[in-house]
Every structure is written in structure tokens, then in C-alpha cells.
């Protein structure tokens, strides 16, 4: 069994649990393993952006959810500007995002439309890369930057008004969050919802050996420590993931990221069928 996980601790636990012959494919950054896993079966267990998993399921790829959160974080602070803060200023302006199907972008656009009432069609959206699935293309209203142009550089040069930037956020004292007190707002949103946004989950190939996959789940569940605070950023198990996955799946469908709606129950049923277990075996 080949396993791709970004965390050294989780990867070691998964490889040990999977038994003889298991190995870690050390891909960094971990999102670069997505296409090989989804399209080529390069691994049997792989950390995936949750929107990539939803797209893979919607396009009929051999991918199923193992309900472990590999990366969760608040997202309101990822919408940044060099100008004055204020969500109302986004209307009619340019906003850059690495990829239309990037999970962080899906969350942020969901906040803008659902929490702040912004019509997303009134924004000039610019993307810089394709997503992880070759079957997917951006909506017609979304512009693509010229080849070779990178969002952080364009943002710092002032050629886009706003940018959605997570780990690739540059260090520059001019940068401010577009949403005032973004982390405070994010915390309030999470408490109100009862969950925080999640970015990466663990996926598996449903053709993989069920016993080994279940052993990996048990090991990862034991090794994933809950985060401090009113809302856990690393939920484990079907019931704990139901809220955030359902929310981001709705956003993705509304934003034309998915070719069809994907429900959480569909994900649960596919996983249970592949592993021949009840949902309760995986925190359902």
C-alpha cells in the first residue's frame, strides 16, 4: 500500500498500521500528489483537498472519503488587500485566486455570498492555475491570467485589488485582511455553525484492501489530536465531518465547481460499501 500524507507523524502512524509492504510517498507540497492519486492510482491512501475529493466523486473517479481531517483552519483572513478593508469594496473589483476549484477560494466565496450577501457575478475573478482534475474547466465568467504569471507577485504589484492567499501569503506590512477583525469573525462564524472550515481530508482508493484501510483509519484517528478552542479544527469521524463537508459541497455546487451535487450521505454510503462496514465503525 502506498500512502501520501503531509504530516510526518500521521504518515508514520499510517504506514505502521497498514502492515508489511506499506510505504510513504513523500510528496511536497502534498497537493501535488492529487492528480496522480485521482487519475493514475499512484497511491491507495492520499491526503486530498476536500473540494478535489468532491470533484473526483462527482466525475466518477475511484476515490472515497476516509473521515479524517488532515488540515483544518479558519479562512476569513485569507481574503487580503493592499487597500482599505471592507467587504463592500469587493463589488466591481478584481479578485485573484490560484484556482477556481481551490478549497480556500470556495470557502471564501461562500462567505462573501452567504454571510455578506455579495453577488459573485459582480466581481472580476482571475485564476492562475488549473485545478487537479483535467475534466474540469472554469466558469465562463472567470478570467485566466497569462501563462507564467503568479498571483502573489501580481497582488503585491497592485495588478489585482484583492487576493485569496493561504500558505502562499507574502510577508509584507502593507497587506491587510479585507474583512476587518477577520479571525474574530471566523471564530464567531465557526461557533454559530458548530464547525470550522476544513481544507484537507484523507481519501482512499475503494479498490484497496479494506482491512488495511480500516487499520490506517484507526491509527490516524488515534494520532489526530483535537485542537483547543470552542470548535475543533481537526474533526474525525463521519458525524464530525458532516457539517463542514456538507457546507463546502453546497458552496462548490453553487459556484460551478462541481458538475453535479454531491451529498455527504453519498460519501458515507460509498465508503461503507467499499470497506463493508457500518457508518458507526467510522464515527457515524
C-alpha atoms as a PDB file:
ATOM      1  CA  UNK A   1       0.000   0.000   0.000  1.00  0.00           C
ATOM      2  CA  UNK A   2       1.293   3.456  -0.964  1.00  0.00           C
ATOM      3  CA  UNK A   3       0.349   6.342   1.333  1.00  0.00           C
ATOM      4  CA  UNK A   4       0.639  10.113   0.853  1.00  0.00           C
ATOM      5  CA  UNK A   5       0.203  12.325   3.903  1.00  0.00           C
ATOM      6  CA  UNK A   6       1.745  15.721   4.542  1.00  0.00           C
ATOM      7  CA  UNK A   7       2.301  15.214   8.271  1.00  0.00           C
ATOM      8  CA  UNK A   8       5.337  13.110   9.153  1.00  0.00           C
ATOM      9  CA  UNK A   9       3.625  11.932  12.337  1.00  0.00           C
ATOM     10  CA  UNK A  10       0.430  10.858  10.587  1.00  0.00           C
ATOM     11  CA  UNK A  11       2.343   9.249   7.727  1.00  0.00           C
ATOM     12  CA  UNK A  12       4.438   7.170  10.122  1.00  0.00           C
ATOM     13  CA  UNK A  13       1.332   6.030  12.009  1.00  0.00           C
ATOM     14  CA  UNK A  14      -0.470   5.107   8.794  1.00  0.00           C
ATOM     15  CA  UNK A  15       2.452   3.140   7.323  1.00  0.00           C
ATOM     16  CA  UNK A  16       2.929   1.176  10.536  1.00  0.00           C
ATOM     17  CA  UNK A  17      -0.767   0.376  10.763  1.00  0.00           C
ATOM     18  CA  UNK A  18      -1.061  -0.712   7.126  1.00  0.00           C
ATOM     19  CA  UNK A  19       1.435  -3.502   7.672  1.00  0.00           C
ATOM     20  CA  UNK A  20       4.061  -5.172   5.544  1.00  0.00           C
ATOM     21  CA  UNK A  21       4.830  -3.636   2.184  1.00  0.00           C
ATOM     22  CA  UNK A  22       3.278  -0.260   3.015  1.00  0.00           C
ATOM     23  CA  UNK A  23       5.336   2.787   2.102  1.00  0.00           C
ATOM     24  CA  UNK A  24       5.050   6.532   2.247  1.00  0.00           C
ATOM     25  CA  UNK A  25       5.338   8.572  -0.935  1.00  0.00           C
ATOM     26  CA  UNK A  26       6.836  11.803   0.341  1.00  0.00           C
ATOM     27  CA  UNK A  27       5.310  14.431  -1.974  1.00  0.00           C
ATOM     28  CA  UNK A  28       5.792  18.081  -1.040  1.00  0.00           C
ATOM     29  CA  UNK A  29       3.706  20.141  -1.154  1.00  0.00           C
ATOM     30  CA  UNK A  30       1.204  17.372  -0.631  1.00  0.00           C
ATOM     31  CA  UNK A  31      -1.380  18.779  -3.079  1.00  0.00           C
ATOM     32  CA  UNK A  32       0.965  17.850  -5.940  1.00  0.00           C
ATOM     33  CA  UNK A  33       0.056  14.191  -5.311  1.00  0.00           C
ATOM     34  CA  UNK A  34      -3.616  14.826  -6.076  1.00  0.00           C
ATOM     35  CA  UNK A  35      -3.673  14.240  -9.817  1.00  0.00           C
ATOM     36  CA  UNK A  36      -1.557  11.092  -9.630  1.00  0.00           C
ATOM     37  CA  UNK A  37      -3.839   9.648  -6.970  1.00  0.00           C
ATOM     38  CA  UNK A  38      -7.119  10.587  -8.618  1.00  0.00           C
ATOM     39  CA  UNK A  39      -6.242   9.781 -12.240  1.00  0.00           C
ATOM     40  CA  UNK A  40      -3.451   7.220 -12.078  1.00  0.00           C
ATOM     41  CA  UNK A  41      -3.959   5.283  -8.865  1.00  0.00           C
ATOM     42  CA  UNK A  42      -0.456   6.260  -7.757  1.00  0.00           C
ATOM     43  CA  UNK A  43      -1.397   5.694  -4.090  1.00  0.00           C
ATOM     44  CA  UNK A  44      -4.077   3.845  -2.155  1.00  0.00           C
ATOM     45  CA  UNK A  45      -4.405   6.397   0.650  1.00  0.00           C
ATOM     46  CA  UNK A  46      -3.848  10.093  -0.032  1.00  0.00           C
ATOM     47  CA  UNK A  47      -4.362  13.456   1.608  1.00  0.00           C
ATOM     48  CA  UNK A  48      -6.666  15.498  -0.641  1.00  0.00           C
ATOM     49  CA  UNK A  49      -8.198  18.946  -0.610  1.00  0.00           C
ATOM     50  CA  UNK A  50     -11.838  18.346   0.273  1.00  0.00           C
ATOM     51  CA  UNK A  51     -13.066  20.080  -2.918  1.00  0.00           C
ATOM     52  CA  UNK A  52     -10.772  17.866  -5.008  1.00  0.00           C
ATOM     53  CA  UNK A  53     -12.368  14.834  -3.354  1.00  0.00           C
ATOM     54  CA  UNK A  54     -15.847  16.167  -4.093  1.00  0.00           C
ATOM     55  CA  UNK A  55     -14.915  16.795  -7.729  1.00  0.00           C
ATOM     56  CA  UNK A  56     -13.419  13.320  -8.049  1.00  0.00           C
ATOM     57  CA  UNK A  57     -16.609  11.734  -6.734  1.00  0.00           C
ATOM     58  CA  UNK A  58     -18.771  13.895  -8.988  1.00  0.00           C
ATOM     59  CA  UNK A  59     -16.725  12.908 -12.031  1.00  0.00           C
ATOM     60  CA  UNK A  60     -16.907   9.205 -11.156  1.00  0.00           C
ATOM     61  CA  UNK A  61     -13.287   8.671 -10.128  1.00  0.00           C
ATOM     62  CA  UNK A  62     -12.303   5.732  -7.886  1.00  0.00           C
ATOM     63  CA  UNK A  63     -11.985   7.887  -4.776  1.00  0.00           C
ATOM     64  CA  UNK A  64     -13.698   7.557  -1.392  1.00  0.00           C
ATOM     65  CA  UNK A  65     -13.617   9.525   1.855  1.00  0.00           C
ATOM     66  CA  UNK A  66     -11.789   8.260   4.927  1.00  0.00           C
ATOM     67  CA  UNK A  67     -13.216  10.648   7.542  1.00  0.00           C
ATOM     68  CA  UNK A  68     -10.008  12.137   8.919  1.00  0.00           C
ATOM     69  CA  UNK A  69      -9.194  15.857   8.751  1.00  0.00           C
ATOM     70  CA  UNK A  70      -5.578  16.352   7.700  1.00  0.00           C
ATOM     71  CA  UNK A  71      -5.810  20.154   7.643  1.00  0.00           C
ATOM     72  CA  UNK A  72      -8.420  22.489   9.060  1.00  0.00           C
ATOM     73  CA  UNK A  73      -8.195  26.226   9.578  1.00  0.00           C
ATOM     74  CA  UNK A  74     -10.213  29.407   9.671  1.00  0.00           C
ATOM     75  CA  UNK A  75     -10.473  31.045   6.227  1.00  0.00           C
ATOM     76  CA  UNK A  76     -11.887  34.557   6.543  1.00  0.00           C
ATOM     77  CA  UNK A  77      -8.390  36.002   6.919  1.00  0.00           C
ATOM     78  CA  UNK A  78      -7.230  34.652   3.545  1.00  0.00           C
ATOM     79  CA  UNK A  79      -9.005  37.406   1.583  1.00  0.00           C
ATOM     80  CA  UNK A  80      -6.431  40.188   1.612  1.00  0.00           C
ATOM     81  CA  UNK A  81      -5.860  43.630   0.126  1.00  0.00           C
ATOM     82  CA  UNK A  82      -3.289  46.408  -0.039  1.00  0.00           C
ATOM     83  CA  UNK A  83      -6.076  48.961   0.212  1.00  0.00           C
ATOM     84  CA  UNK A  84      -8.760  49.805   2.734  1.00  0.00           C
ATOM     85  CA  UNK A  85     -10.575  46.890   4.385  1.00  0.00           C
ATOM     86  CA  UNK A  86     -14.288  46.377   3.919  1.00  0.00           C
ATOM     87  CA  UNK A  87     -16.215  43.618   2.192  1.00  0.00           C
ATOM     88  CA  UNK A  88     -18.494  46.115   0.439  1.00  0.00           C
ATOM     89  CA  UNK A  89     -15.448  47.346  -1.502  1.00  0.00           C
ATOM     90  CA  UNK A  90     -15.013  43.978  -3.251  1.00  0.00           C
ATOM     91  CA  UNK A  91     -18.001  44.555  -5.542  1.00  0.00           C
ATOM     92  CA  UNK A  92     -16.831  45.516  -9.034  1.00  0.00           C
ATOM     93  CA  UNK A  93     -13.145  44.922  -8.237  1.00  0.00           C
ATOM     94  CA  UNK A  94     -10.585  42.314  -9.327  1.00  0.00           C
ATOM     95  CA  UNK A  95     -10.002  39.327  -7.054  1.00  0.00           C
ATOM     96  CA  UNK A  96      -7.276  36.790  -7.764  1.00  0.00           C
ATOM     97  CA  UNK A  97      -7.391  33.168  -6.641  1.00  0.00           C
ATOM     98  CA  UNK A  98      -4.871  30.459  -7.528  1.00  0.00           C
ATOM     99  CA  UNK A  99      -7.518  28.121  -8.939  1.00  0.00           C
ATOM    100  CA  UNK A 100     -11.308  28.385  -9.118  1.00  0.00           C
ATOM    101  CA  UNK A 101     -11.577  24.945  -7.531  1.00  0.00           C
ATOM    102  CA  UNK A 102      -9.046  25.693  -4.767  1.00  0.00           C
ATOM    103  CA  UNK A 103     -10.719  24.806  -1.481  1.00  0.00           C
ATOM    104  CA  UNK A 104      -9.760  28.062   0.253  1.00  0.00           C
ATOM    105  CA  UNK A 105     -11.324  30.034  -2.591  1.00  0.00           C
ATOM    106  CA  UNK A 106     -14.538  28.010  -2.418  1.00  0.00           C
ATOM    107  CA  UNK A 107     -14.845  28.732   1.297  1.00  0.00           C
ATOM    108  CA  UNK A 108     -14.136  32.455   0.910  1.00  0.00           C
ATOM    109  CA  UNK A 109     -16.594  32.913  -1.962  1.00  0.00           C
ATOM    110  CA  UNK A 110     -19.155  31.053   0.144  1.00  0.00           C
ATOM    111  CA  UNK A 111     -18.645  33.551   2.973  1.00  0.00           C
ATOM    112  CA  UNK A 112     -18.904  36.503   0.593  1.00  0.00           C
ATOM    113  CA  UNK A 113     -22.206  35.322  -0.867  1.00  0.00           C
ATOM    114  CA  UNK A 114     -23.800  33.626   2.136  1.00  0.00           C
ATOM    115  CA  UNK A 115     -22.567  35.745   5.040  1.00  0.00           C
ATOM    116  CA  UNK A 116     -22.204  39.131   3.343  1.00  0.00           C
ATOM    117  CA  UNK A 117     -24.792  38.923   0.545  1.00  0.00           C
ATOM    118  CA  UNK A 118     -22.296  39.667  -2.240  1.00  0.00           C
ATOM    119  CA  UNK A 119     -23.349  38.669  -5.761  1.00  0.00           C
ATOM    120  CA  UNK A 120     -20.278  36.800  -7.001  1.00  0.00           C
ATOM    121  CA  UNK A 121     -21.086  37.737 -10.598  1.00  0.00           C
ATOM    122  CA  UNK A 122     -20.348  41.380  -9.706  1.00  0.00           C
ATOM    123  CA  UNK A 123     -16.692  40.559  -9.059  1.00  0.00           C
ATOM    124  CA  UNK A 124     -13.957  40.319 -11.711  1.00  0.00           C
ATOM    125  CA  UNK A 125     -12.428  36.935 -10.851  1.00  0.00           C
ATOM    126  CA  UNK A 126      -8.972  35.966 -12.122  1.00  0.00           C
ATOM    127  CA  UNK A 127      -7.402  32.499 -11.798  1.00  0.00           C
ATOM    128  CA  UNK A 128      -3.787  31.492 -12.295  1.00  0.00           C
ATOM    129  CA  UNK A 129      -3.784  27.679 -12.490  1.00  0.00           C
ATOM    130  CA  UNK A 130      -5.947  24.730 -13.473  1.00  0.00           C
ATOM    131  CA  UNK A 131      -7.456  22.536 -10.805  1.00  0.00           C
ATOM    132  CA  UNK A 132      -6.416  18.958 -10.111  1.00  0.00           C
ATOM    133  CA  UNK A 133      -8.945  17.277 -12.429  1.00  0.00           C
ATOM    134  CA  UNK A 134      -8.441  17.652 -16.186  1.00  0.00           C
ATOM    135  CA  UNK A 135     -12.180  17.176 -16.797  1.00  0.00           C
ATOM    136  CA  UNK A 136     -12.962  20.455 -15.040  1.00  0.00           C
ATOM    137  CA  UNK A 137     -12.902  23.899 -16.639  1.00  0.00           C
ATOM    138  CA  UNK A 138     -13.540  27.282 -15.016  1.00  0.00           C
ATOM    139  CA  UNK A 139     -16.918  29.009 -15.436  1.00  0.00           C
ATOM    140  CA  UNK A 140     -17.073  31.291 -18.482  1.00  0.00           C
ATOM    141  CA  UNK A 141     -17.229  34.430 -16.347  1.00  0.00           C
ATOM    142  CA  UNK A 142     -13.825  33.692 -14.782  1.00  0.00           C
ATOM    143  CA  UNK A 143     -10.724  35.173 -16.466  1.00  0.00           C
ATOM    144  CA  UNK A 144      -7.396  33.338 -16.677  1.00  0.00           C
ATOM    145  CA  UNK A 145      -4.134  35.194 -16.125  1.00  0.00           C
ATOM    146  CA  UNK A 146      -1.419  34.815 -18.782  1.00  0.00           C
ATOM    147  CA  UNK A 147       0.796  31.732 -18.528  1.00  0.00           C
ATOM    148  CA  UNK A 148       3.645  32.084 -16.073  1.00  0.00           C
ATOM    149  CA  UNK A 149       2.067  34.910 -14.071  1.00  0.00           C
ATOM    150  CA  UNK A 150       1.881  34.197 -10.321  1.00  0.00           C
ATOM    151  CA  UNK A 151      -0.797  35.563  -8.021  1.00  0.00           C
ATOM    152  CA  UNK A 152       1.399  36.713  -5.091  1.00  0.00           C
ATOM    153  CA  UNK A 153       3.556  38.837  -7.408  1.00  0.00           C
ATOM    154  CA  UNK A 154       0.517  40.285  -9.198  1.00  0.00           C
ATOM    155  CA  UNK A 155      -1.079  41.131  -5.884  1.00  0.00           C
ATOM    156  CA  UNK A 156       1.994  42.869  -4.452  1.00  0.00           C
ATOM    157  CA  UNK A 157       2.367  44.829  -7.686  1.00  0.00           C
ATOM    158  CA  UNK A 158      -1.204  46.101  -7.332  1.00  0.00           C
ATOM    159  CA  UNK A 159      -2.463  44.484 -10.519  1.00  0.00           C
ATOM    160  CA  UNK A 160      -5.333  42.812  -8.639  1.00  0.00           C
ATOM    161  CA  UNK A 161      -7.322  44.579  -5.940  1.00  0.00           C
ATOM    162  CA  UNK A 162      -7.804  41.566  -3.700  1.00  0.00           C
ATOM    163  CA  UNK A 163      -6.314  38.090  -3.459  1.00  0.00           C
ATOM    164  CA  UNK A 164      -7.255  34.857  -1.754  1.00  0.00           C
ATOM    165  CA  UNK A 165      -3.976  33.621  -0.309  1.00  0.00           C
ATOM    166  CA  UNK A 166      -3.413  30.893   2.251  1.00  0.00           C
ATOM    167  CA  UNK A 167       0.024  29.360   2.736  1.00  0.00           C
ATOM    168  CA  UNK A 168       1.396  31.413  -0.184  1.00  0.00           C
ATOM    169  CA  UNK A 169       0.662  34.746   1.537  1.00  0.00           C
ATOM    170  CA  UNK A 170       3.734  37.004   1.135  1.00  0.00           C
ATOM    171  CA  UNK A 171       5.305  38.767   4.087  1.00  0.00           C
ATOM    172  CA  UNK A 172       4.579  42.450   3.518  1.00  0.00           C
ATOM    173  CA  UNK A 173       3.458  45.018   6.072  1.00  0.00           C
ATOM    174  CA  UNK A 174       1.118  46.631   3.531  1.00  0.00           C
ATOM    175  CA  UNK A 175      -1.150  43.594   3.477  1.00  0.00           C
ATOM    176  CA  UNK A 176      -4.364  43.682   5.483  1.00  0.00           C
ATOM    177  CA  UNK A 177      -7.392  41.425   5.644  1.00  0.00           C
ATOM    178  CA  UNK A 178     -10.330  42.592   3.569  1.00  0.00           C
ATOM    179  CA  UNK A 179     -12.663  41.526   6.373  1.00  0.00           C
ATOM    180  CA  UNK A 180     -11.977  43.649   9.477  1.00  0.00           C
ATOM    181  CA  UNK A 181     -11.059  41.522  12.518  1.00  0.00           C
ATOM    182  CA  UNK A 182     -11.095  38.514  10.200  1.00  0.00           C
ATOM    183  CA  UNK A 183     -10.006  35.936  12.774  1.00  0.00           C
ATOM    184  CA  UNK A 184     -12.597  37.178  15.251  1.00  0.00           C
ATOM    185  CA  UNK A 185     -15.289  36.975  12.574  1.00  0.00           C
ATOM    186  CA  UNK A 186     -14.069  33.491  11.620  1.00  0.00           C
ATOM    187  CA  UNK A 187     -14.294  32.317  15.200  1.00  0.00           C
ATOM    188  CA  UNK A 188     -17.827  33.654  15.565  1.00  0.00           C
ATOM    189  CA  UNK A 189     -18.846  32.024  12.262  1.00  0.00           C
ATOM    190  CA  UNK A 190     -17.481  28.669  13.422  1.00  0.00           C
ATOM    191  CA  UNK A 191     -19.224  28.828  16.797  1.00  0.00           C
ATOM    192  CA  UNK A 192     -22.504  29.751  15.094  1.00  0.00           C
ATOM    193  CA  UNK A 193     -22.175  26.889  12.612  1.00  0.00           C
ATOM    194  CA  UNK A 194     -20.830  24.382  15.123  1.00  0.00           C
ATOM    195  CA  UNK A 195     -17.817  23.569  12.961  1.00  0.00           C
ATOM    196  CA  UNK A 196     -14.809  25.229  11.358  1.00  0.00           C
ATOM    197  CA  UNK A 197     -13.800  25.063   7.668  1.00  0.00           C
ATOM    198  CA  UNK A 198     -11.666  22.101   6.677  1.00  0.00           C
ATOM    199  CA  UNK A 199      -9.158  22.089   3.832  1.00  0.00           C
ATOM    200  CA  UNK A 200      -7.674  18.608   3.538  1.00  0.00           C
ATOM    201  CA  UNK A 201      -9.154  15.211   4.307  1.00  0.00           C
ATOM    202  CA  UNK A 202      -7.884  11.682   3.801  1.00  0.00           C
ATOM    203  CA  UNK A 203      -9.113   9.753   0.781  1.00  0.00           C
ATOM    204  CA  UNK A 204      -8.628   6.159  -0.319  1.00  0.00           C
ATOM    205  CA  UNK A 205      -8.962   4.041  -3.426  1.00  0.00           C
ATOM    206  CA  UNK A 206     -12.090   1.900  -2.902  1.00  0.00           C
ATOM    207  CA  UNK A 207     -10.286  -0.986  -4.618  1.00  0.00           C
ATOM    208  CA  UNK A 208      -7.662  -1.066  -1.856  1.00  0.00           C
ATOM    209  CA  UNK A 209      -7.612  -3.830   0.776  1.00  0.00           C
ATOM    210  CA  UNK A 210     -10.356  -2.957   3.252  1.00  0.00           C
ATOM    211  CA  UNK A 211      -8.566  -4.387   6.296  1.00  0.00           C
ATOM    212  CA  UNK A 212      -5.506  -2.228   5.673  1.00  0.00           C
ATOM    213  CA  UNK A 213      -7.584   0.908   5.046  1.00  0.00           C
ATOM    214  CA  UNK A 214      -9.509   0.395   8.301  1.00  0.00           C
ATOM    215  CA  UNK A 215      -6.239  -0.073  10.173  1.00  0.00           C
ATOM    216  CA  UNK A 216      -4.996   3.210   8.706  1.00  0.00           C
ATOM    217  CA  UNK A 217      -8.197   4.950   9.799  1.00  0.00           C
ATOM    218  CA  UNK A 218      -7.823   3.675  13.362  1.00  0.00           C
ATOM    219  CA  UNK A 219      -4.200   4.795  13.518  1.00  0.00           C
ATOM    220  CA  UNK A 220      -4.942   8.243  12.108  1.00  0.00           C
ATOM    221  CA  UNK A 221      -7.943   8.711  14.382  1.00  0.00           C
ATOM    222  CA  UNK A 222      -5.757   7.906  17.393  1.00  0.00           C
ATOM    223  CA  UNK A 223      -2.938  10.184  16.215  1.00  0.00           C
ATOM    224  CA  UNK A 224      -5.126  13.191  15.318  1.00  0.00           C
ATOM    225  CA  UNK A 225      -5.322  15.333  18.414  1.00  0.00           C
ATOM    226  CA  UNK A 226      -8.304  17.651  18.765  1.00  0.00           C
ATOM    227  CA  UNK A 227      -7.350  21.322  18.659  1.00  0.00           C
ATOM    228  CA  UNK A 228      -8.009  23.670  21.556  1.00  0.00           C
ATOM    229  CA  UNK A 229     -10.834  26.166  21.357  1.00  0.00           C
ATOM    230  CA  UNK A 230     -14.620  26.167  21.092  1.00  0.00           C
ATOM    231  CA  UNK A 231     -14.535  24.424  17.673  1.00  0.00           C
ATOM    232  CA  UNK A 232     -12.198  21.574  16.722  1.00  0.00           C
ATOM    233  CA  UNK A 233     -10.135  22.281  13.586  1.00  0.00           C
ATOM    234  CA  UNK A 234      -9.324  18.593  13.071  1.00  0.00           C
ATOM    235  CA  UNK A 235     -12.583  16.654  13.343  1.00  0.00           C
ATOM    236  CA  UNK A 236     -12.515  12.869  12.948  1.00  0.00           C
ATOM    237  CA  UNK A 237     -15.355  10.530  12.005  1.00  0.00           C
ATOM    238  CA  UNK A 238     -18.396  10.842   9.787  1.00  0.00           C
ATOM    239  CA  UNK A 239     -20.586  12.793  12.178  1.00  0.00           C
ATOM    240  CA  UNK A 240     -17.845  15.282  12.989  1.00  0.00           C
ATOM    241  CA  UNK A 241     -17.163  15.911   9.282  1.00  0.00           C
ATOM    242  CA  UNK A 242     -20.805  16.072   8.207  1.00  0.00           C
ATOM    243  CA  UNK A 243     -21.226  19.805   8.869  1.00  0.00           C
ATOM    244  CA  UNK A 244     -18.126  21.211   7.163  1.00  0.00           C
ATOM    245  CA  UNK A 245     -18.187  18.820   4.211  1.00  0.00           C
ATOM    246  CA  UNK A 246     -21.881  19.453   3.580  1.00  0.00           C
ATOM    247  CA  UNK A 247     -21.295  23.212   3.724  1.00  0.00           C
ATOM    248  CA  UNK A 248     -18.337  23.266   1.328  1.00  0.00           C
ATOM    249  CA  UNK A 249     -20.114  20.852  -1.034  1.00  0.00           C
ATOM    250  CA  UNK A 250     -23.046  23.276  -1.219  1.00  0.00           C
ATOM    251  CA  UNK A 251     -20.706  26.188  -1.896  1.00  0.00           C
ATOM    252  CA  UNK A 252     -18.884  24.203  -4.586  1.00  0.00           C
ATOM    253  CA  UNK A 253     -22.128  23.338  -6.377  1.00  0.00           C
ATOM    254  CA  UNK A 254     -23.378  26.942  -6.224  1.00  0.00           C
ATOM    255  CA  UNK A 255     -20.064  28.194  -7.621  1.00  0.00           C
ATOM    256  CA  UNK A 256     -19.997  25.772 -10.583  1.00  0.00           C
ATOM    257  CA  UNK A 257     -17.076  23.834  -9.167  1.00  0.00           C
ATOM    258  CA  UNK A 258     -18.970  20.528  -9.351  1.00  0.00           C
ATOM    259  CA  UNK A 259     -20.747  19.027 -12.380  1.00  0.00           C
ATOM    260  CA  UNK A 260     -23.486  17.734 -10.055  1.00  0.00           C
ATOM    261  CA  UNK A 261     -24.364  17.997  -6.368  1.00  0.00           C
ATOM    262  CA  UNK A 262     -22.557  15.622  -4.018  1.00  0.00           C
ATOM    263  CA  UNK A 263     -24.216  14.818  -0.688  1.00  0.00           C
ATOM    264  CA  UNK A 264     -22.466  13.730   2.471  1.00  0.00           C
ATOM    265  CA  UNK A 265     -24.661  10.637   2.717  1.00  0.00           C
ATOM    266  CA  UNK A 266     -23.449   9.634  -0.743  1.00  0.00           C
ATOM    267  CA  UNK A 267     -19.869   9.802   0.527  1.00  0.00           C
ATOM    268  CA  UNK A 268     -20.741   7.758   3.617  1.00  0.00           C
ATOM    269  CA  UNK A 269     -22.512   5.087   1.612  1.00  0.00           C
ATOM    270  CA  UNK A 270     -19.648   4.720  -0.851  1.00  0.00           C
ATOM    271  CA  UNK A 271     -17.068   4.387   1.925  1.00  0.00           C
ATOM    272  CA  UNK A 272     -19.128   1.853   3.864  1.00  0.00           C
ATOM    273  CA  UNK A 273     -19.755  -0.202   0.735  1.00  0.00           C
ATOM    274  CA  UNK A 274     -16.059  -0.233  -0.181  1.00  0.00           C
ATOM    275  CA  UNK A 275     -14.969  -1.265   3.317  1.00  0.00           C
ATOM    276  CA  UNK A 276     -18.005  -3.466   4.092  1.00  0.00           C
ATOM    277  CA  UNK A 277     -18.720  -1.742   7.407  1.00  0.00           C
ATOM    278  CA  UNK A 278     -21.476   0.243   9.040  1.00  0.00           C
ATOM    279  CA  UNK A 279     -21.099   4.008   9.358  1.00  0.00           C
ATOM    280  CA  UNK A 280     -20.694   3.625  13.135  1.00  0.00           C
ATOM    281  CA  UNK A 281     -17.349   1.879  12.515  1.00  0.00           C
ATOM    282  CA  UNK A 282     -16.040   5.210  11.197  1.00  0.00           C
ATOM    283  CA  UNK A 283     -17.605   7.597  13.676  1.00  0.00           C
ATOM    284  CA  UNK A 284     -21.058   7.653  12.125  1.00  0.00           C
END
